Amino acid sequence: MKEEESSKGWIVCLVTIGIVVTIAIAVTVAFTVFQPKKFITTVDSIDVRDMDVNVNIFNMSLNLNVTLDVLVSVKNPNIFGLKYYDGFAQLNYRGEEIGEAPIPSGEISSKETKQMNVTLTIMADRILSNSQVISDVTSGGIQLNTFMRISGEVSILGLIKFHGNTTASCDFVINTSNKTIDSHVCQYKMV
């Protein structure tokens, strides 16, 4: 009887050691081989979809309507899928927000790059309250900034989750005479 209990004890001990070793190996592999990488957001292009500008010099008034198409790519360099949450894009003029657009949540497969088209419309009442906009329009260029933020997570085998977010901030100039984007310079940050 004592021999049976002793052999059962050894079996339980060996099974426990096997489970602990398996978990240790799985965690080591998860943090080395499957180590998650930060996902990357880039702004591929900014284009003027629609623009109406009317300046009345006699009463110093301005009518300005602008809609921009921003093509954004999000790259998932991981071997596991990426789930990202609702994000946002905002349009700024001289430090003040003058437009915004949601970036709806979604998923990106492993090693995939997903493109999204974000449409930003200037909220005319917000930009027209700035006294410098008339001089910018009449000088031929409106300098704007767009800022985007996307947060998400990579799940390794449904057991371990890694969270991260990425931002893109782009400064650009809208040429008011030919209704194009003259230049854009972007800065990216991944956390």
Protein backbone atom coordinates (compact mmCIF):
# COMPACT_ATOMS: atom_id res chain seq x y z
CA MET A 1 0.00 0.00 0.00
CA LYS A 2 2.82 2.38 0.86
CA GLU A 3 4.53 1.55 -2.44
CA GLU A 4 1.34 2.45 -4.35
CA GLU A 5 1.00 5.78 -2.54
CA SER A 6 4.69 6.49 -3.11
CA SER A 7 4.44 5.78 -6.84
CA LYS A 8 1.28 7.95 -7.12
CA GLY A 9 3.15 10.75 -5.36
CA TRP A 10 6.00 10.48 -7.86
CA ILE A 11 3.56 10.52 -10.77
CA VAL A 12 1.82 13.63 -9.43
CA CYS A 13 5.20 15.26 -8.86
CA LEU A 14 6.40 14.43 -12.39
CA VAL A 15 3.14 15.65 -13.97
CA THR A 16 3.40 18.92 -12.00
CA ILE A 17 7.02 19.41 -13.06
CA GLY A 18 6.03 18.66 -16.68
CA ILE A 19 3.26 21.27 -16.57
CA VAL A 20 5.55 23.91 -15.03
CA VAL A 21 8.28 23.22 -17.61
CA THR A 22 5.74 23.39 -20.47
CA ILE A 23 4.39 26.73 -19.22
CA ALA A 24 7.93 28.09 -18.81
CA ILE A 25 8.82 27.05 -22.36
CA ALA A 26 5.60 28.56 -23.74
CA VAL A 27 6.21 31.89 -21.98
CA THR A 28 9.85 31.94 -23.13
CA VAL A 29 8.81 31.27 -26.73
CA ALA A 30 6.06 33.90 -26.47
CA PHE A 31 8.54 36.55 -25.36
CA THR A 32 11.33 35.61 -27.80
CA VAL A 33 10.19 33.92 -31.00
CA PHE A 34 6.70 35.45 -30.99
CA GLN A 35 7.78 38.75 -29.46
CA PRO A 36 5.26 41.36 -30.56
CA LYS A 37 6.41 44.28 -32.65
CA LYS A 38 4.85 47.72 -32.66
CA PHE A 39 2.36 48.33 -35.44
CA ILE A 40 3.11 51.20 -37.79
CA THR A 41 0.84 53.93 -39.13
CA THR A 42 1.87 56.02 -42.12
CA VAL A 43 0.10 58.77 -44.03
CA ASP A 44 0.45 57.86 -47.70
CA SER A 45 -1.24 60.91 -49.19
CA ILE A 46 -3.35 63.96 -48.44
CA ASP A 47 -5.56 65.22 -51.25
CA VAL A 48 -8.12 67.98 -51.62
CA ARG A 49 -11.43 66.36 -52.53
CA ASP A 50 -13.48 69.56 -52.60
CA MET A 51 -12.66 73.21 -51.97
CA ASP A 52 -14.69 76.38 -52.29
CA VAL A 53 -13.07 79.69 -51.40
CA ASN A 54 -14.74 83.09 -51.76
CA VAL A 55 -13.13 86.22 -50.35
CA ASN A 56 -15.09 89.47 -50.21
CA ILE A 57 -12.49 92.19 -49.80
CA PHE A 58 -15.04 94.99 -49.38
CA ASN A 59 -16.54 93.67 -46.15
CA MET A 60 -13.52 91.46 -45.23
CA SER A 61 -15.52 88.24 -45.20
CA LEU A 62 -14.55 84.74 -46.23
CA ASN A 63 -16.51 81.69 -47.29
CA LEU A 64 -14.36 78.56 -47.00
CA ASN A 65 -15.35 74.91 -47.40
CA VAL A 66 -12.66 72.24 -47.66
CA THR A 67 -12.86 68.44 -47.65
CA LEU A 68 -9.65 66.40 -47.51
CA ASP A 69 -9.00 62.73 -48.24
CA VAL A 70 -6.19 61.28 -46.14
CA LEU A 71 -4.93 57.83 -47.15
CA VAL A 72 -3.52 56.01 -44.11
CA SER A 73 -1.72 52.65 -43.97
CA VAL A 74 -1.49 50.54 -40.82
CA LYS A 75 1.10 47.76 -40.96
CA ASN A 76 1.00 44.77 -38.62
CA PRO A 77 4.52 43.24 -38.60
CA ASN A 78 3.50 40.51 -36.13
CA ILE A 79 2.85 36.84 -36.81
CA PHE A 80 -0.42 37.22 -34.90
CA GLY A 81 -3.41 39.35 -35.82
CA LEU A 82 -3.88 42.90 -34.58
CA LYS A 83 -7.17 44.19 -33.24
CA TYR A 84 -7.40 47.97 -33.18
CA TYR A 85 -9.97 50.09 -31.39
CA ASP A 86 -11.88 53.16 -32.49
CA GLY A 87 -9.37 55.87 -33.29
CA PHE A 88 -9.62 59.44 -34.43
CA ALA A 89 -8.19 61.97 -36.83
CA GLN A 90 -8.33 65.68 -36.27
CA LEU A 91 -7.54 68.69 -38.41
CA ASN A 92 -5.83 71.69 -36.81
CA TYR A 93 -5.25 75.28 -37.88
CA ARG A 94 -2.76 77.33 -35.87
CA GLY A 95 -3.13 74.99 -32.89
CA GLU A 96 -6.94 74.91 -32.86
CA GLU A 97 -9.02 71.91 -33.88
CA ILE A 98 -11.14 72.73 -36.92
CA GLY A 99 -12.26 69.27 -38.01
CA GLU A 100 -12.39 65.67 -36.89
CA ALA A 101 -13.22 62.21 -38.16
CA PRO A 102 -13.55 58.81 -36.49
CA ILE A 103 -11.39 55.85 -37.46
CA PRO A 104 -13.58 52.77 -36.85
CA SER A 105 -12.20 49.69 -35.11
CA GLY A 106 -11.12 46.64 -37.05
CA GLU A 107 -8.62 43.84 -37.41
CA ILE A 108 -5.46 43.36 -39.44
CA SER A 109 -4.12 39.88 -40.18
CA SER A 110 -0.53 38.90 -39.52
CA LYS A 111 2.07 40.63 -41.68
CA GLU A 112 -0.71 42.58 -43.45
CA THR A 113 -0.90 46.28 -44.28
CA LYS A 114 -4.38 47.76 -44.30
CA GLN A 115 -5.19 51.04 -46.03
CA MET A 116 -7.91 53.37 -44.78
CA ASN A 117 -9.33 56.51 -46.31
CA VAL A 118 -10.12 59.17 -43.71
CA THR A 119 -12.25 62.13 -44.80
CA LEU A 120 -11.71 65.39 -42.93
CA THR A 121 -13.94 68.41 -43.43
CA ILE A 122 -13.08 71.84 -42.13
CA MET A 123 -15.69 73.13 -39.71
CA ALA A 124 -16.00 76.60 -41.24
CA ASP A 125 -17.24 78.30 -38.08
CA ARG A 126 -14.11 77.19 -36.20
CA ILE A 127 -11.58 78.35 -38.81
CA LEU A 128 -13.38 81.58 -39.65
CA SER A 129 -13.21 82.70 -36.03
CA ASN A 130 -9.43 83.00 -36.44
CA SER A 131 -8.54 86.45 -37.77
CA GLN A 132 -5.43 85.19 -39.59
CA VAL A 133 -7.30 82.93 -42.01
CA ILE A 134 -8.16 85.73 -44.46
CA SER A 135 -4.51 86.77 -44.81
CA ASP A 136 -3.49 83.10 -45.25
CA VAL A 137 -6.10 82.53 -47.98
CA THR A 138 -5.20 85.72 -49.84
CA SER A 139 -1.46 84.92 -49.60
CA GLY A 140 -2.17 81.63 -51.41
CA GLY A 141 -1.68 78.97 -48.76
CA ILE A 142 -3.32 77.66 -45.61
CA GLN A 143 -0.98 75.73 -43.32
CA LEU A 144 -2.77 72.91 -41.53
CA ASN A 145 -1.94 69.90 -39.37
CA THR A 146 -3.64 66.54 -39.14
CA PHE A 147 -3.18 64.32 -36.09
CA MET A 148 -4.26 60.66 -35.90
CA ARG A 149 -4.18 58.12 -33.10
CA ILE A 150 -4.89 54.38 -33.28
CA SER A 151 -4.65 51.98 -30.33
CA GLY A 152 -4.74 48.21 -30.50
CA GLU A 153 -3.58 44.88 -29.17
CA VAL A 154 -1.83 41.77 -30.39
CA SER A 155 -2.99 38.56 -28.73
CA ILE A 156 -0.58 35.61 -28.62
CA LEU A 157 -2.57 32.38 -28.78
CA GLY A 158 -5.34 34.13 -26.82
CA LEU A 159 -3.24 33.93 -23.66
CA ILE A 160 -0.97 36.96 -23.62
CA LYS A 161 -2.02 40.39 -24.89
CA PHE A 162 0.27 43.26 -25.81
CA HIS A 163 -1.19 46.75 -26.11
CA GLY A 164 0.19 49.61 -28.13
CA ASN A 165 -0.74 52.78 -29.92
CA THR A 166 0.56 54.77 -32.82
CA THR A 167 0.21 58.41 -33.79
CA ALA A 168 0.83 60.37 -36.95
CA SER A 169 1.12 64.14 -37.12
CA CYS A 170 1.40 65.78 -40.55
CA ASP A 171 1.95 69.44 -41.38
CA PHE A 172 0.85 70.48 -44.86
CA VAL A 173 -0.10 73.49 -46.94
CA ILE A 174 -3.24 73.81 -49.08
CA ASN A 175 -2.54 75.93 -52.13
CA THR A 176 -5.71 78.05 -52.43
CA SER A 177 -5.12 79.01 -56.06
CA ASN A 178 -4.85 75.53 -57.59
CA LYS A 179 -6.59 73.63 -54.74
CA THR A 180 -3.78 71.13 -54.17
CA ILE A 181 -1.52 70.11 -51.33
CA ASP A 182 1.88 71.75 -51.82
CA SER A 183 3.78 69.63 -49.34
CA HIS A 184 3.31 67.44 -46.31
CA VAL A 185 5.77 66.37 -43.65
CA CYS A 186 4.80 63.72 -41.13
CA GLN A 187 6.12 62.55 -37.79
CA TYR A 188 5.23 59.12 -36.43
CA LYS A 189 5.34 57.75 -32.93
CA MET A 190 4.76 54.19 -31.75
CA VAL A 191 4.30 53.28 -28.08
